[in-house]
PDB file of N, CA and C in Angstrom:
ATOM      1  N   MET A   1       0.840  -1.188   0.000  1.00  0.00           N
ATOM      2  CA  MET A   1       0.000   0.000   0.000  1.00  0.00           C
ATOM      3  C   MET A   1       0.879   1.241   0.000  1.00  0.00           C
ATOM      4  N   SER A   2       0.615   2.114  -0.916  1.00  0.00           N
ATOM      5  CA  SER A   2       1.388   3.351  -0.951  1.00  0.00           C
ATOM      6  C   SER A   2       0.617   4.514  -0.344  1.00  0.00           C
ATOM      7  N   GLY A   3      -0.707   4.461  -0.377  1.00  0.00           N
ATOM      8  CA  GLY A   3      -1.511   5.535   0.180  1.00  0.00           C
ATOM      9  C   GLY A   3      -1.777   5.347   1.662  1.00  0.00           C
ATOM     10  N   GLN A   4      -2.193   6.421   2.289  1.00  0.00           N
ATOM     11  CA  GLN A   4      -2.531   6.390   3.710  1.00  0.00           C
ATOM     12  C   GLN A   4      -4.010   6.072   3.864  1.00  0.00           C
ATOM     13  N   LEU A   5      -4.356   5.345   4.928  1.00  0.00           N
ATOM     14  CA  LEU A   5      -5.739   4.979   5.200  1.00  0.00           C
ATOM     15  C   LEU A   5      -6.168   5.619   6.514  1.00  0.00           C
ATOM     16  N   ASP A   6      -7.196   6.456   6.449  1.00  0.00           N
ATOM     17  CA  ASP A   6      -7.708   7.158   7.622  1.00  0.00           C
ATOM     18  C   ASP A   6      -9.206   6.942   7.751  1.00  0.00           C
ATOM     19  N   CYS A   7      -9.743   7.365   8.900  1.00  0.00           N
ATOM     20  CA  CYS A   7     -11.185   7.349   9.161  1.00  0.00           C
ATOM     21  C   CYS A   7     -11.616   8.753   9.543  1.00  0.00           C
ATOM     22  N   LYS A   8     -12.868   9.078   9.197  1.00  0.00           N
ATOM     23  CA  LYS A   8     -13.357  10.422   9.501  1.00  0.00           C
ATOM     24  C   LYS A   8     -14.878  10.417   9.520  1.00  0.00           C
ATOM     25  N   ARG A   9     -15.448  11.171  10.455  1.00  0.00           N
ATOM     26  CA  ARG A   9     -16.907  11.319  10.486  1.00  0.00           C
ATOM     27  C   ARG A   9     -17.362  12.139   9.289  1.00  0.00           C
ATOM     28  N   ILE A  10     -18.494  11.803   8.750  1.00  0.00           N
ATOM     29  CA  ILE A  10     -19.021  12.535   7.598  1.00  0.00           C
ATOM     30  C   ILE A  10     -19.410  13.956   7.979  1.00  0.00           C
ATOM     31  N   TYR A  11     -19.623  14.189   9.263  1.00  0.00           N
ATOM     32  CA  TYR A  11     -20.028  15.513   9.734  1.00  0.00           C
ATOM     33  C   TYR A  11     -18.837  16.448   9.920  1.00  0.00           C
ATOM     34  N   ASP A  12     -17.615  15.921   9.819  1.00  0.00           N
ATOM     35  CA  ASP A  12     -16.410  16.753   9.868  1.00  0.00           C
ATOM     36  C   ASP A  12     -16.161  17.309   8.471  1.00  0.00           C
ATOM     37  N   PRO A  13     -15.642  18.512   8.378  1.00  0.00           N
ATOM     38  CA  PRO A  13     -15.442  19.098   7.043  1.00  0.00           C
ATOM     39  C   PRO A  13     -14.414  18.319   6.227  1.00  0.00           C
ATOM     40  N   PRO A  14     -14.696  18.130   4.941  1.00  0.00           N
ATOM     41  CA  PRO A  14     -13.724  17.450   4.079  1.00  0.00           C
ATOM     42  C   PRO A  14     -12.486  18.320   3.877  1.00  0.00           C
ATOM     43  N   LEU A  15     -11.343  17.659   3.769  1.00  0.00           N
ATOM     44  CA  LEU A  15     -10.077  18.349   3.531  1.00  0.00           C
ATOM     45  C   LEU A  15      -9.427  17.765   2.282  1.00  0.00           C
ATOM     46  N   GLU A  16      -8.574  18.529   1.646  1.00  0.00           N
ATOM     47  CA  GLU A  16      -7.863  18.019   0.474  1.00  0.00           C
ATOM     48  C   GLU A  16      -6.998  16.826   0.835  1.00  0.00           C
ATOM     49  N   THR A  17      -6.502  16.786   2.066  1.00  0.00           N
ATOM     50  CA  THR A  17      -5.634  15.696   2.502  1.00  0.00           C
ATOM     51  C   THR A  17      -6.405  14.394   2.722  1.00  0.00           C
ATOM     52  N   ASP A  18      -7.734  14.426   2.625  1.00  0.00           N
ATOM     53  CA  ASP A  18      -8.528  13.208   2.787  1.00  0.00           C
ATOM     54  C   ASP A  18      -8.282  12.208   1.666  1.00  0.00           C
ATOM     55  N   GLY A  19      -7.830  12.680   0.541  1.00  0.00           N
ATOM     56  CA  GLY A  19      -7.673  11.776  -0.605  1.00  0.00           C
ATOM     57  C   GLY A  19      -9.029  11.306  -1.091  1.00  0.00           C
ATOM     58  N   LEU A  20      -9.135  10.049  -1.395  1.00  0.00           N
ATOM     59  CA  LEU A  20     -10.370   9.442  -1.885  1.00  0.00           C
ATOM     60  C   LEU A  20     -11.308   9.209  -0.699  1.00  0.00           C
ATOM     61  N   ARG A  21     -12.431   9.900  -0.671  1.00  0.00           N
ATOM     62  CA  ARG A  21     -13.391   9.763   0.438  1.00  0.00           C
ATOM     63  C   ARG A  21     -14.413   8.694   0.079  1.00  0.00           C
ATOM     64  N   VAL A  22     -14.485   7.664   0.936  1.00  0.00           N
ATOM     65  CA  VAL A  22     -15.335   6.506   0.681  1.00  0.00           C
ATOM     66  C   VAL A  22     -16.292   6.327   1.856  1.00  0.00           C
ATOM     67  N   LEU A  23     -17.581   6.433   1.601  1.00  0.00           N
ATOM     68  CA  LEU A  23     -18.578   6.189   2.641  1.00  0.00           C
ATOM     69  C   LEU A  23     -18.680   4.684   2.866  1.00  0.00           C
ATOM     70  N   VAL A  24     -18.544   4.259   4.122  1.00  0.00           N
ATOM     71  CA  VAL A  24     -18.554   2.826   4.432  1.00  0.00           C
ATOM     72  C   VAL A  24     -19.744   2.446   5.315  1.00  0.00           C
ATOM     73  N   ASP A  25     -20.793   3.240   5.275  1.00  0.00           N
ATOM     74  CA  ASP A  25     -22.044   2.939   5.989  1.00  0.00           C
ATOM     75  C   ASP A  25     -23.040   2.326   5.020  1.00  0.00           C
ATOM     76  N   ARG A  26     -23.903   1.482   5.549  1.00  0.00           N
ATOM     77  CA  ARG A  26     -24.943   0.858   4.730  1.00  0.00           C
ATOM     78  C   ARG A  26     -26.051   1.853   4.390  1.00  0.00           C
ATOM     79  N   LEU A  27     -26.307   2.796   5.308  1.00  0.00           N
ATOM     80  CA  LEU A  27     -27.353   3.802   5.121  1.00  0.00           C
ATOM     81  C   LEU A  27     -26.720   5.177   4.944  1.00  0.00           C
ATOM     82  N   TRP A  28     -27.363   6.016   4.129  1.00  0.00           N
ATOM     83  CA  TRP A  28     -26.850   7.377   3.954  1.00  0.00           C
ATOM     84  C   TRP A  28     -27.072   8.137   5.264  1.00  0.00           C
ATOM     85  N   PRO A  29     -26.070   8.882   5.736  1.00  0.00           N
ATOM     86  CA  PRO A  29     -26.168   9.599   7.012  1.00  0.00           C
ATOM     87  C   PRO A  29     -27.251  10.687   6.998  1.00  0.00           C
ATOM     88  N   ARG A  30     -27.933  10.799   8.106  1.00  0.00           N
ATOM     89  CA  ARG A  30     -29.000  11.795   8.238  1.00  0.00           C
ATOM     90  C   ARG A  30     -28.440  13.211   8.200  1.00  0.00           C
ATOM     91  N   GLY A  31     -29.194  14.074   7.552  1.00  0.00           N
ATOM     92  CA  GLY A  31     -28.870  15.491   7.559  1.00  0.00           C
ATOM     93  C   GLY A  31     -27.703  15.893   6.681  1.00  0.00           C
ATOM     94  N   VAL A  32     -27.225  14.999   5.844  1.00  0.00           N
ATOM     95  CA  VAL A  32     -26.081  15.309   4.978  1.00  0.00           C
ATOM     96  C   VAL A  32     -26.531  15.241   3.527  1.00  0.00           C
ATOM     97  N   ARG A  33     -26.377  16.351   2.841  1.00  0.00           N
ATOM     98  CA  ARG A  33     -26.688  16.359   1.408  1.00  0.00           C
ATOM     99  C   ARG A  33     -25.539  15.710   0.646  1.00  0.00           C
ATOM    100  N   LYS A  34     -25.885  14.923  -0.336  1.00  0.00           N
ATOM    101  CA  LYS A  34     -24.851  14.227  -1.112  1.00  0.00           C
ATOM    102  C   LYS A  34     -23.866  15.210  -1.741  1.00  0.00           C
ATOM    103  N   ALA A  35     -24.355  16.350  -2.171  1.00  0.00           N
ATOM    104  CA  ALA A  35     -23.473  17.342  -2.798  1.00  0.00           C
ATOM    105  C   ALA A  35     -22.459  17.911  -1.811  1.00  0.00           C
ATOM    106  N   ASP A  36     -22.806  17.944  -0.528  1.00  0.00           N
ATOM    107  CA  ASP A  36     -21.915  18.513   0.488  1.00  0.00           C
ATOM    108  C   ASP A  36     -20.942  17.491   1.073  1.00  0.00           C
ATOM    109  N   ALA A  37     -21.173  16.217   0.830  1.00  0.00           N
ATOM    110  CA  ALA A  37     -20.399  15.163   1.486  1.00  0.00           C
ATOM    111  C   ALA A  37     -19.037  14.914   0.841  1.00  0.00           C
ATOM    112  N   HIS A  38     -18.895  15.275  -0.428  1.00  0.00           N
ATOM    113  CA  HIS A  38     -17.646  15.053  -1.161  1.00  0.00           C
ATOM    114  C   HIS A  38     -17.217  13.589  -1.117  1.00  0.00           C
ATOM    115  N   ILE A  39     -18.198  12.713  -1.278  1.00  0.00           N
ATOM    116  CA  ILE A  39     -17.949  11.271  -1.281  1.00  0.00           C
ATOM    117  C   ILE A  39     -17.718  10.834  -2.728  1.00  0.00           C
ATOM    118  N   ARG A  40     -16.608  10.142  -2.960  1.00  0.00           N
ATOM    119  CA  ARG A  40     -16.332   9.648  -4.316  1.00  0.00           C
ATOM    120  C   ARG A  40     -16.949   8.280  -4.556  1.00  0.00           C
ATOM    121  N   HIS A  41     -16.996   7.457  -3.487  1.00  0.00           N
ATOM    122  CA  HIS A  41     -17.560   6.120  -3.614  1.00  0.00           C
ATOM    123  C   HIS A  41     -18.338   5.790  -2.351  1.00  0.00           C
ATOM    124  N   TRP A  42     -19.363   4.957  -2.530  1.00  0.00           N
ATOM    125  CA  TRP A  42     -20.161   4.498  -1.402  1.00  0.00           C
ATOM    126  C   TRP A  42     -20.108   2.975  -1.405  1.00  0.00           C
ATOM    127  N   LEU A  43     -19.385   2.400  -0.450  1.00  0.00           N
ATOM    128  CA  LEU A  43     -19.241   0.945  -0.354  1.00  0.00           C
ATOM    129  C   LEU A  43     -20.178   0.410   0.727  1.00  0.00           C
ATOM    130  N   LYS A  44     -21.436   0.242   0.379  1.00  0.00           N
ATOM    131  CA  LYS A  44     -22.422  -0.274   1.330  1.00  0.00           C
ATOM    132  C   LYS A  44     -22.069  -1.685   1.791  1.00  0.00           C
ATOM    133  N   ASP A  45     -21.503  -2.475   0.873  1.00  0.00           N
ATOM    134  CA  ASP A  45     -21.268  -3.894   1.148  1.00  0.00           C
ATOM    135  C   ASP A  45     -20.129  -4.160   2.131  1.00  0.00           C
ATOM    136  N   VAL A  46     -19.375  -3.135   2.506  1.00  0.00           N
ATOM    137  CA  VAL A  46     -18.300  -3.349   3.475  1.00  0.00           C
ATOM    138  C   VAL A  46     -18.791  -3.073   4.901  1.00  0.00           C
ATOM    139  N   ALA A  47     -19.961  -2.500   5.033  1.00  0.00           N
ATOM    140  CA  ALA A  47     -20.529  -2.222   6.359  1.00  0.00           C
ATOM    141  C   ALA A  47     -20.957  -3.532   7.024  1.00  0.00           C
ATOM    142  N   PRO A  48     -21.060  -3.515   8.353  1.00  0.00           N
ATOM    143  CA  PRO A  48     -21.541  -4.716   9.050  1.00  0.00           C
ATOM    144  C   PRO A  48     -22.939  -5.101   8.571  1.00  0.00           C
ATOM    145  N   SER A  49     -23.253  -6.362   8.662  1.00  0.00           N
ATOM    146  CA  SER A  49     -24.593  -6.819   8.300  1.00  0.00           C
ATOM    147  C   SER A  49     -25.619  -6.094   9.174  1.00  0.00           C
ATOM    148  N   PRO A  50     -26.842  -5.939   8.673  1.00  0.00           N
ATOM    149  CA  PRO A  50     -27.874  -5.283   9.495  1.00  0.00           C
ATOM    150  C   PRO A  50     -28.066  -5.955  10.855  1.00  0.00           C
ATOM    151  N   GLN A  51     -27.969  -7.277  10.887  1.00  0.00           N
ATOM    152  CA  GLN A  51     -28.133  -7.996  12.150  1.00  0.00           C
ATOM    153  C   GLN A  51     -27.017  -7.637  13.134  1.00  0.00           C
ATOM    154  N   LEU A  52     -25.783  -7.603  12.660  1.00  0.00           N
ATOM    155  CA  LEU A  52     -24.664  -7.277  13.529  1.00  0.00           C
ATOM    156  C   LEU A  52     -24.737  -5.823  13.983  1.00  0.00           C
ATOM    157  N   ARG A  53     -25.073  -4.935  13.072  1.00  0.00           N
ATOM    158  CA  ARG A  53     -25.178  -3.508  13.407  1.00  0.00           C
ATOM    159  C   ARG A  53     -26.243  -3.284  14.477  1.00  0.00           C
ATOM    160  N   THR A  54     -27.389  -3.945  14.330  1.00  0.00           N
ATOM    161  CA  THR A  54     -28.474  -3.814  15.302  1.00  0.00           C
ATOM    162  C   THR A  54     -28.056  -4.379  16.657  1.00  0.00           C
ATOM    163  N   TRP A  55     -27.421  -5.545  16.653  1.00  0.00           N
ATOM    164  CA  TRP A  55     -26.979  -6.149  17.905  1.00  0.00           C
ATOM    165  C   TRP A  55     -25.983  -5.239  18.630  1.00  0.00           C
ATOM    166  N   PHE A  56     -25.009  -4.697  17.899  1.00  0.00           N
ATOM    167  CA  PHE A  56     -23.984  -3.849  18.492  1.00  0.00           C
ATOM    168  C   PHE A  56     -24.600  -2.578  19.073  1.00  0.00           C
ATOM    169  N   GLY A  57     -25.442  -1.911  18.303  1.00  0.00           N
ATOM    170  CA  GLY A  57     -26.123  -0.710  18.768  1.00  0.00           C
ATOM    171  C   GLY A  57     -25.189   0.366  19.294  1.00  0.00           C
ATOM    172  N   HIS A  58     -23.947   0.383  18.844  1.00  0.00           N
ATOM    173  CA  HIS A  58     -22.938   1.362  19.264  1.00  0.00           C
ATOM    174  C   HIS A  58     -22.715   1.355  20.770  1.00  0.00           C
ATOM    175  N   ASP A  59     -22.856   0.185  21.382  1.00  0.00           N
ATOM    176  CA  ASP A  59     -22.629   0.017  22.812  1.00  0.00           C
ATOM    177  C   ASP A  59     -21.149  -0.310  23.036  1.00  0.00           C
ATOM    178  N   PRO A  60     -20.380   0.604  23.643  1.00  0.00           N
ATOM    179  CA  PRO A  60     -18.951   0.351  23.856  1.00  0.00           C
ATOM    180  C   PRO A  60     -18.674  -0.940  24.635  1.00  0.00           C
ATOM    181  N   ASN A  61     -19.623  -1.371  25.473  1.00  0.00           N
ATOM    182  CA  ASN A  61     -19.444  -2.614  26.228  1.00  0.00           C
ATOM    183  C   ASN A  61     -19.472  -3.848  25.330  1.00  0.00           C
ATOM    184  N   ARG A  62     -20.041  -3.716  24.146  1.00  0.00           N
ATOM    185  CA  ARG A  62     -20.110  -4.829  23.192  1.00  0.00           C
ATOM    186  C   ARG A  62     -19.035  -4.740  22.114  1.00  0.00           C
ATOM    187  N   PHE A  63     -18.188  -3.716  22.197  1.00  0.00           N
ATOM    188  CA  PHE A  63     -17.253  -3.457  21.101  1.00  0.00           C
ATOM    189  C   PHE A  63     -16.283  -4.607  20.861  1.00  0.00           C
ATOM    190  N   ALA A  64     -15.714  -5.180  21.909  1.00  0.00           N
ATOM    191  CA  ALA A  64     -14.746  -6.269  21.720  1.00  0.00           C
ATOM    192  C   ALA A  64     -15.373  -7.437  20.961  1.00  0.00           C
ATOM    193  N   GLU A  65     -16.582  -7.815  21.323  1.00  0.00           N
ATOM    194  CA  GLU A  65     -17.276  -8.901  20.619  1.00  0.00           C
ATOM    195  C   GLU A  65     -17.655  -8.467  19.206  1.00  0.00           C
ATOM    196  N   PHE A  66     -18.064  -7.201  19.055  1.00  0.00           N
ATOM    197  CA  PHE A  66     -18.387  -6.663  17.736  1.00  0.00           C
ATOM    198  C   PHE A  66     -17.174  -6.757  16.813  1.00  0.00           C
ATOM    199  N   VAL A  67     -15.997  -6.385  17.304  1.00  0.00           N
ATOM    200  CA  VAL A  67     -14.771  -6.449  16.490  1.00  0.00           C
ATOM    201  C   VAL A  67     -14.569  -7.867  15.972  1.00  0.00           C
ATOM    202  N   LYS A  68     -14.676  -8.837  16.853  1.00  0.00           N
ATOM    203  CA  LYS A  68     -14.492 -10.245  16.474  1.00  0.00           C
ATOM    204  C   LYS A  68     -15.504 -10.655  15.396  1.00  0.00           C
ATOM    205  N   LEU A  69     -16.772 -10.342  15.620  1.00  0.00           N
ATOM    206  CA  LEU A  69     -17.829 -10.748  14.688  1.00  0.00           C
ATOM    207  C   LEU A  69     -17.720 -10.019  13.346  1.00  0.00           C
ATOM    208  N   TYR A  70     -17.403  -8.743  13.383  1.00  0.00           N
ATOM    209  CA  TYR A  70     -17.284  -7.975  12.143  1.00  0.00           C
ATOM    210  C   TYR A  70     -16.080  -8.454  11.332  1.00  0.00           C
ATOM    211  N   ARG A  71     -14.967  -8.721  11.993  1.00  0.00           N
ATOM    212  CA  ARG A  71     -13.798  -9.249  11.283  1.00  0.00           C
ATOM    213  C   ARG A  71     -14.122 -10.596  10.638  1.00  0.00           C
ATOM    214  N   GLU A  72     -14.932 -11.410  11.302  1.00  0.00           N
ATOM    215  CA  GLU A  72     -15.367 -12.684  10.711  1.00  0.00           C
ATOM    216  C   GLU A  72     -16.194 -12.432   9.460  1.00  0.00           C
ATOM    217  N   GLU A  73     -17.096 -11.435   9.514  1.00  0.00           N
ATOM    218  CA  GLU A  73     -17.874 -11.094   8.313  1.00  0.00           C
ATOM    219  C   GLU A  73     -16.952 -10.628   7.192  1.00  0.00           C
ATOM    220  N   LEU A  74     -15.999  -9.781   7.524  1.00  0.00           N
ATOM    221  CA  LEU A  74     -15.088  -9.268   6.499  1.00  0.00           C
ATOM    222  C   LEU A  74     -14.312 -10.394   5.827  1.00  0.00           C
ATOM    223  N   ALA A  75     -13.958 -11.396   6.598  1.00  0.00           N
ATOM    224  CA  ALA A  75     -13.153 -12.500   6.067  1.00  0.00           C
ATOM    225  C   ALA A  75     -13.976 -13.529   5.300  1.00  0.00           C
ATOM    226  N   SER A  76     -15.229 -13.718   5.685  1.00  0.00           N
ATOM    227  CA  SER A  76     -15.975 -14.859   5.141  1.00  0.00           C
ATOM    228  C   SER A  76     -17.021 -14.504   4.089  1.00  0.00           C
ATOM    229  N   ASP A  77     -17.501 -13.286   4.088  1.00  0.00           N
ATOM    230  CA  ASP A  77     -18.567 -12.910   3.158  1.00  0.00           C
ATOM    231  C   ASP A  77     -17.974 -12.377   1.852  1.00  0.00           C
ATOM    232  N   ALA A  78     -18.444 -12.897   0.732  1.00  0.00           N
ATOM    233  CA  ALA A  78     -17.889 -12.528  -0.578  1.00  0.00           C
ATOM    234  C   ALA A  78     -18.040 -11.035  -0.883  1.00  0.00           C
ATOM    235  N   LEU A  79     -19.196 -10.451  -0.568  1.00  0.00           N
ATOM    236  CA  LEU A  79     -19.393  -9.023  -0.847  1.00  0.00           C
ATOM    237  C   LEU A  79     -18.483  -8.159   0.018  1.00  0.00           C
ATOM    238  N   HIS A  80     -18.315  -8.553   1.269  1.00  0.00           N
ATOM    239  CA  HIS A  80     -17.389  -7.832   2.139  1.00  0.00           C
ATOM    240  C   HIS A  80     -15.966  -7.914   1.572  1.00  0.00           C
ATOM    241  N   ARG A  81     -15.557  -9.098   1.161  1.00  0.00           N
ATOM    242  CA  ARG A  81     -14.203  -9.285   0.648  1.00  0.00           C
ATOM    243  C   ARG A  81     -13.971  -8.466  -0.622  1.00  0.00           C
ATOM    244  N   GLN A  82     -14.964  -8.422  -1.501  1.00  0.00           N
ATOM    245  CA  GLN A  82     -14.824  -7.620  -2.725  1.00  0.00           C
ATOM    246  C   GLN A  82     -14.657  -6.140  -2.383  1.00  0.00           C
ATOM    247  N   ALA A  83     -15.419  -5.659  -1.418  1.00  0.00           N
ATOM    248  CA  ALA A  83     -15.321  -4.252  -1.018  1.00  0.00           C
ATOM    249  C   ALA A  83     -13.961  -3.954  -0.396  1.00  0.00           C
ATOM    250  N   VAL A  84     -13.468  -4.856   0.440  1.00  0.00           N
ATOM    251  CA  VAL A  84     -12.134  -4.680   1.035  1.00  0.00           C
ATOM    252  C   VAL A  84     -11.075  -4.679  -0.059  1.00  0.00           C
ATOM    253  N   ASP A  85     -11.183  -5.585  -1.019  1.00  0.00           N
ATOM    254  CA  ASP A  85     -10.239  -5.621  -2.141  1.00  0.00           C
ATOM    255  C   ASP A  85     -10.246  -4.294  -2.901  1.00  0.00           C
ATOM    256  N   GLN A  86     -11.419  -3.695  -3.048  1.00  0.00           N
ATOM    257  CA  GLN A  86     -11.510  -2.413  -3.743  1.00  0.00           C
ATOM    258  C   GLN A  86     -10.744  -1.330  -2.974  1.00  0.00           C
ATOM    259  N   ILE A  87     -10.891  -1.310  -1.659  1.00  0.00           N
ATOM    260  CA  ILE A  87     -10.158  -0.339  -0.831  1.00  0.00           C
ATOM    261  C   ILE A  87      -8.656  -0.548  -0.992  1.00  0.00           C
ATOM    262  N   VAL A  88      -8.225  -1.790  -0.942  1.00  0.00           N
ATOM    263  CA  VAL A  88      -6.802  -2.113  -1.095  1.00  0.00           C
ATOM    264  C   VAL A  88      -6.306  -1.650  -2.465  1.00  0.00           C
ATOM    265  N   ASP A  89      -7.100  -1.856  -3.503  1.00  0.00           N
ATOM    266  CA  ASP A  89      -6.717  -1.405  -4.849  1.00  0.00           C
ATOM    267  C   ASP A  89      -6.556   0.111  -4.892  1.00  0.00           C
ATOM    268  N   TRP A  90      -7.517   0.846  -4.313  1.00  0.00           N
ATOM    269  CA  TRP A  90      -7.415   2.308  -4.296  1.00  0.00           C
ATOM    270  C   TRP A  90      -6.166   2.765  -3.564  1.00  0.00           C
ATOM    271  N   LEU A  91      -5.800   2.067  -2.508  1.00  0.00           N
ATOM    272  CA  LEU A  91      -4.630   2.449  -1.718  1.00  0.00           C
ATOM    273  C   LEU A  91      -3.321   2.294  -2.493  1.00  0.00           C
ATOM    274  N   GLN A  92      -3.337   1.558  -3.577  1.00  0.00           N
ATOM    275  CA  GLN A  92      -2.133   1.408  -4.387  1.00  0.00           C
ATOM    276  C   GLN A  92      -1.735   2.728  -5.038  1.00  0.00           C
ATOM    277  N   THR A  93      -2.713   3.606  -5.260  1.00  0.00           N
ATOM    278  CA  THR A  93      -2.432   4.844  -5.989  1.00  0.00           C
ATOM    279  C   THR A  93      -2.876   6.112  -5.270  1.00  0.00           C
ATOM    280  N   ASP A  94      -3.584   5.989  -4.155  1.00  0.00           N
ATOM    281  CA  ASP A  94      -4.161   7.173  -3.520  1.00  0.00           C
ATOM    282  C   ASP A  94      -4.307   6.947  -2.019  1.00  0.00           C
ATOM    283  N   SER A  95      -4.402   8.024  -1.286  1.00  0.00           N
ATOM    284  CA  SER A  95      -4.805   7.931   0.111  1.00  0.00           C
ATOM    285  C   SER A  95      -6.312   7.775   0.141  1.00  0.00           C
ATOM    286  N   VAL A  96      -6.813   7.068   1.155  1.00  0.00           N
ATOM    287  CA  VAL A  96      -8.237   6.795   1.270  1.00  0.00           C
ATOM    288  C   VAL A  96      -8.698   7.182   2.677  1.00  0.00           C
ATOM    289  N   THR A  97      -9.836   7.849   2.744  1.00  0.00           N
ATOM    290  CA  THR A  97     -10.465   8.150   4.023  1.00  0.00           C
ATOM    291  C   THR A  97     -11.790   7.410   4.085  1.00  0.00           C
ATOM    292  N   LEU A  98     -11.913   6.532   5.072  1.00  0.00           N
ATOM    293  CA  LEU A  98     -13.154   5.801   5.303  1.00  0.00           C
ATOM    294  C   LEU A  98     -14.083   6.724   6.078  1.00  0.00           C
ATOM    295  N   VAL A  99     -15.195   7.068   5.475  1.00  0.00           N
ATOM    296  CA  VAL A  99     -16.121   8.037   6.057  1.00  0.00           C
ATOM    297  C   VAL A  99     -17.310   7.289   6.651  1.00  0.00           C
ATOM    298  N   TYR A 100     -17.684   7.693   7.875  1.00  0.00           N
ATOM    299  CA  TYR A 100     -18.767   7.030   8.608  1.00  0.00           C
ATOM    300  C   TYR A 100     -19.585   8.074   9.355  1.00  0.00           C
ATOM    301  N   ALA A 101     -20.746   7.669   9.859  1.00  0.00           N
ATOM    302  CA  ALA A 101     -21.639   8.616  10.536  1.00  0.00           C
ATOM    303  C   ALA A 101     -21.675   8.466  12.050  1.00  0.00           C
ATOM    304  N   ALA A 102     -21.183   7.381  12.599  1.00  0.00           N
ATOM    305  CA  ALA A 102     -21.285   7.131  14.040  1.00  0.00           C
ATOM    306  C   ALA A 102     -20.712   8.285  14.855  1.00  0.00           C
ATOM    307  N   ARG A 103     -21.337   8.543  16.005  1.00  0.00           N
ATOM    308  CA  ARG A 103     -20.858   9.609  16.891  1.00  0.00           C
ATOM    309  C   ARG A 103     -19.541   9.238  17.566  1.00  0.00           C
ATOM    310  N   ASP A 104     -19.438   7.988  17.981  1.00  0.00           N
ATOM    311  CA  ASP A 104     -18.271   7.519  18.721  1.00  0.00           C
ATOM    312  C   ASP A 104     -17.123   7.283  17.743  1.00  0.00           C
ATOM    313  N   THR A 105     -16.057   8.036  17.909  1.00  0.00           N
ATOM    314  CA  THR A 105     -14.943   7.945  16.966  1.00  0.00           C
ATOM    315  C   THR A 105     -13.987   6.802  17.281  1.00  0.00           C
ATOM    316  N   ARG A 106     -14.169   6.120  18.410  1.00  0.00           N
ATOM    317  CA  ARG A 106     -13.291   5.009  18.778  1.00  0.00           C
ATOM    318  C   ARG A 106     -13.957   3.656  18.665  1.00  0.00           C
ATOM    319  N   HIS A 107     -15.263   3.610  18.818  1.00  0.00           N
ATOM    320  CA  HIS A 107     -16.003   2.335  18.830  1.00  0.00           C
ATOM    321  C   HIS A 107     -16.966   2.292  17.643  1.00  0.00           C
ATOM    322  N   ASN A 108     -16.438   2.082  16.454  1.00  0.00           N
ATOM    323  CA  ASN A 108     -17.289   2.008  15.263  1.00  0.00           C
ATOM    324  C   ASN A 108     -16.653   1.083  14.230  1.00  0.00           C
ATOM    325  N   HIS A 109     -17.435   0.706  13.248  1.00  0.00           N
ATOM    326  CA  HIS A 109     -16.964  -0.274  12.270  1.00  0.00           C
ATOM    327  C   HIS A 109     -15.861   0.256  11.369  1.00  0.00           C
ATOM    328  N   ALA A 110     -15.824   1.556  11.105  1.00  0.00           N
ATOM    329  CA  ALA A 110     -14.782   2.097  10.231  1.00  0.00           C
ATOM    330  C   ALA A 110     -13.401   1.929  10.859  1.00  0.00           C
ATOM    331  N   VAL A 111     -13.324   2.080  12.169  1.00  0.00           N
ATOM    332  CA  VAL A 111     -12.059   1.876  12.886  1.00  0.00           C
ATOM    333  C   VAL A 111     -11.616   0.421  12.744  1.00  0.00           C
ATOM    334  N   VAL A 112     -12.557  -0.493  12.888  1.00  0.00           N
ATOM    335  CA  VAL A 112     -12.246  -1.924  12.747  1.00  0.00           C
ATOM    336  C   VAL A 112     -11.809  -2.226  11.320  1.00  0.00           C
ATOM    337  N   LEU A 113     -12.522  -1.693  10.359  1.00  0.00           N
ATOM    338  CA  LEU A 113     -12.194  -1.902   8.947  1.00  0.00           C
ATOM    339  C   LEU A 113     -10.795  -1.373   8.625  1.00  0.00           C
ATOM    340  N   ARG A 114     -10.483  -0.193   9.106  1.00  0.00           N
ATOM    341  CA  ARG A 114      -9.154   0.393   8.873  1.00  0.00           C
ATOM    342  C   ARG A 114      -8.064  -0.532   9.415  1.00  0.00           C
ATOM    343  N   GLU A 115      -8.218  -0.982  10.643  1.00  0.00           N
ATOM    344  CA  GLU A 115      -7.225  -1.887  11.250  1.00  0.00           C
ATOM    345  C   GLU A 115      -7.115  -3.189  10.446  1.00  0.00           C
ATOM    346  N   TYR A 116      -8.244  -3.704  10.024  1.00  0.00           N
ATOM    347  CA  TYR A 116      -8.284  -4.953   9.260  1.00  0.00           C
ATOM    348  C   TYR A 116      -7.469  -4.829   7.971  1.00  0.00           C
ATOM    349  N   VAL A 117      -7.657  -3.714   7.277  1.00  0.00           N
ATOM    350  CA  VAL A 117      -6.923  -3.506   6.025  1.00  0.00           C
ATOM    351  C   VAL A 117      -5.437  -3.293   6.299  1.00  0.00           C
ATOM    352  N   ILE A 118      -5.117  -2.451   7.272  1.00  0.00           N
ATOM    353  CA  ILE A 118      -3.714  -2.156   7.579  1.00  0.00           C
ATOM    354  C   ILE A 118      -2.971  -3.412   8.012  1.00  0.00           C
ATOM    355  N   GLU A 119      -3.630  -4.250   8.827  1.00  0.00           N
ATOM    356  CA  GLU A 119      -2.992  -5.476   9.300  1.00  0.00           C
ATOM    357  C   GLU A 119      -2.921  -6.558   8.226  1.00  0.00           C
ATOM    358  N   GLY A 120      -3.565  -6.323   7.095  1.00  0.00           N
ATOM    359  CA  GLY A 120      -3.561  -7.324   6.036  1.00  0.00           C
ATOM    360  C   GLY A 120      -4.519  -8.469   6.310  1.00  0.00           C
ATOM    361  N   GLY A 121      -5.533  -8.223   7.146  1.00  0.00           N
ATOM    362  CA  GLY A 121      -6.505  -9.249   7.497  1.00  0.00           C
ATOM    363  C   GLY A 121      -7.223  -9.836   6.294  1.00  0.00           C
ATOM    364  N   TYR A 122      -7.316  -9.065   5.236  1.00  0.00           N
ATOM    365  CA  TYR A 122      -7.987  -9.512   4.012  1.00  0.00           C
ATOM    366  C   TYR A 122      -7.215 -10.644   3.337  1.00  0.00           C
ATOM    367  N   ARG A 123      -5.972 -10.872   3.762  1.00  0.00           N
ATOM    368  CA  ARG A 123      -5.162 -11.942   3.165  1.00  0.00           C
ATOM    369  C   ARG A 123      -5.287 -13.250   3.950  1.00  0.00           C
ATOM    370  N   GLU A 124      -6.058 -13.255   5.049  1.00  0.00           N
ATOM    371  CA  GLU A 124      -6.177 -14.432   5.905  1.00  0.00           C
ATOM    372  C   GLU A 124      -6.785 -15.585   5.159  1.00  0.00           C
TER     373      GLU A 124
END
């Protein structure tokens, strides 16, 4: 990977240093106009399954188990793997910012996804 991989809330202002901004949520964030988001790609298929997202409910007490379950989805589901491969491909030529809507900047799926890609988990 030659590009840098970062995470950022969609409600934070976009910067030129963001590189390729990729929305990694399954649902479009509330209150954000598409024209204002500066999103180049929307990878719905890399987000946690609806069942996992509902179970997690952004509860920090469930985060450790959520990380384990989400990483399993990333490794085993074909659509998740294709989306991760796309991120890895973009990183060959550009920096990528994974954009998400969650309020908690430490306990969310984009943080897990970033670590998964950086650690090379997609090669497992």
